Protein backbone atom coordinates (compact mmCIF):
# COMPACT_ATOMS: atom_id res chain seq x y z
CA MET A 1 0.00 0.00 0.00
CA ALA A 2 1.24 3.48 -0.89
CA ASN A 3 2.21 5.45 2.20
CA SER A 4 3.96 8.62 1.08
CA PRO A 5 1.96 11.40 -0.58
CA GLN A 6 3.90 11.03 -3.83
CA ALA A 7 3.27 7.28 -3.91
CA LYS A 8 -0.44 7.91 -3.36
CA LYS A 9 -0.46 10.43 -6.18
CA ARG A 10 1.37 8.01 -8.50
CA ALA A 11 -1.23 5.35 -7.68
CA ARG A 12 -4.02 7.76 -8.65
CA GLN A 13 -2.23 8.73 -11.85
CA ASN A 14 -1.66 5.08 -12.74
CA GLU A 15 -5.37 4.32 -12.35
CA LYS A 16 -6.32 7.19 -14.68
CA ARG A 17 -3.67 6.23 -17.23
CA PHE A 18 -4.77 2.59 -17.10
CA ALA A 19 -8.37 3.59 -17.85
CA VAL A 20 -7.33 5.80 -20.77
CA ASN A 21 -5.02 3.15 -22.24
CA LYS A 22 -7.66 0.45 -21.80
CA ALA A 23 -10.21 2.55 -23.71
CA ARG A 24 -7.69 3.28 -26.44
CA ARG A 25 -6.73 -0.40 -26.78
CA SER A 26 -10.40 -1.35 -26.94
CA ARG A 27 -11.02 1.23 -29.67
CA ILE A 28 -8.10 -0.12 -31.71
CA ARG A 29 -9.37 -3.69 -31.34
CA THR A 30 -12.84 -2.60 -32.49
CA TYR A 31 -11.42 -1.11 -35.69
CA LEU A 32 -9.32 -4.21 -36.30
CA ARG A 33 -12.36 -6.42 -35.73
CA LYS A 34 -14.30 -4.44 -38.35
CA VAL A 35 -11.54 -5.17 -40.87
CA GLU A 36 -11.56 -8.86 -39.92
CA GLU A 37 -15.34 -9.05 -40.34
CA ALA A 38 -15.17 -7.35 -43.74
CA ILE A 39 -12.48 -9.82 -44.84
CA ALA A 40 -14.56 -12.73 -43.57
CA GLY A 41 -17.53 -11.33 -45.50
CA GLY A 42 -15.46 -11.40 -48.69
CA ASP A 43 -16.17 -7.78 -49.61
CA GLN A 44 -12.90 -6.22 -50.73
CA ALA A 45 -14.26 -2.67 -50.97
CA ALA A 46 -15.63 -2.77 -47.43
CA ALA A 47 -12.44 -4.39 -46.15
CA ALA A 48 -10.26 -1.76 -47.82
CA GLU A 49 -12.39 1.03 -46.36
CA ALA A 50 -12.28 -0.53 -42.88
CA LEU A 51 -8.51 -0.90 -43.19
CA LYS A 52 -8.21 2.73 -44.21
CA GLN A 53 -10.08 3.74 -41.04
CA ALA A 54 -8.10 1.35 -38.83
CA GLN A 55 -4.67 2.60 -39.84
CA PRO A 56 -4.80 6.04 -38.16
CA GLU A 57 -6.24 4.43 -35.04
CA LEU A 58 -3.34 1.97 -34.91
CA MET A 59 -0.77 4.70 -35.46
CA ARG A 60 -2.39 6.84 -32.77
CA GLY A 61 -1.96 3.91 -30.41
CA VAL A 62 1.73 3.87 -31.29
CA THR A 63 2.23 7.58 -30.63
CA LYS A 64 0.37 7.31 -27.33
CA GLY A 65 2.52 4.36 -26.27
CA VAL A 66 -0.31 1.82 -26.06
CA ILE A 67 1.16 -0.54 -28.63
CA HIS A 68 4.65 -0.98 -30.04
CA LYS A 69 5.51 0.48 -33.43
CA ASN A 70 6.52 -2.88 -34.89
CA THR A 71 3.32 -4.51 -33.63
CA ALA A 72 1.23 -1.91 -35.43
CA ALA A 73 3.32 -2.26 -38.58
CA ARG A 74 2.97 -6.05 -38.48
CA LYS A 75 -0.81 -5.87 -38.03
CA MET A 76 -1.20 -3.37 -40.88
CA SER A 77 1.00 -5.44 -43.17
CA ARG A 78 -0.85 -8.68 -42.51
CA LEU A 79 -4.28 -7.11 -42.83
CA SER A 80 -3.44 -5.24 -46.03
CA HIS A 81 -2.03 -8.44 -47.50
CA ARG A 82 -5.27 -10.25 -46.72
CA VAL A 83 -7.40 -7.42 -48.13
CA LYS A 84 -5.32 -7.40 -51.31
CA ALA A 85 -5.72 -11.19 -51.62
CA LEU A 86 -9.52 -10.75 -51.66
CA GLY A 87 -9.28 -8.96 -55.00
CA ALA A 88 -7.14 -11.63 -56.62
């Protein structure tokens, strides 16, 4: 348990930050799920549009420190490859 005033403050800050990061992660996952569903539906136009909307959300997660840069790049690469394969 935090005893010093600064430790108590850090605990409060950590709770707030955790809530913000959790919401941001959830938002990113929602956008990624929309892309997955569009791919599963077989509609390339919808999948491409969903991917276009998911990319800024992923990159925002990177700049905010929620996910690692390489993780976001890997997810974008794999999703775009799958969307491209729908058209072939």
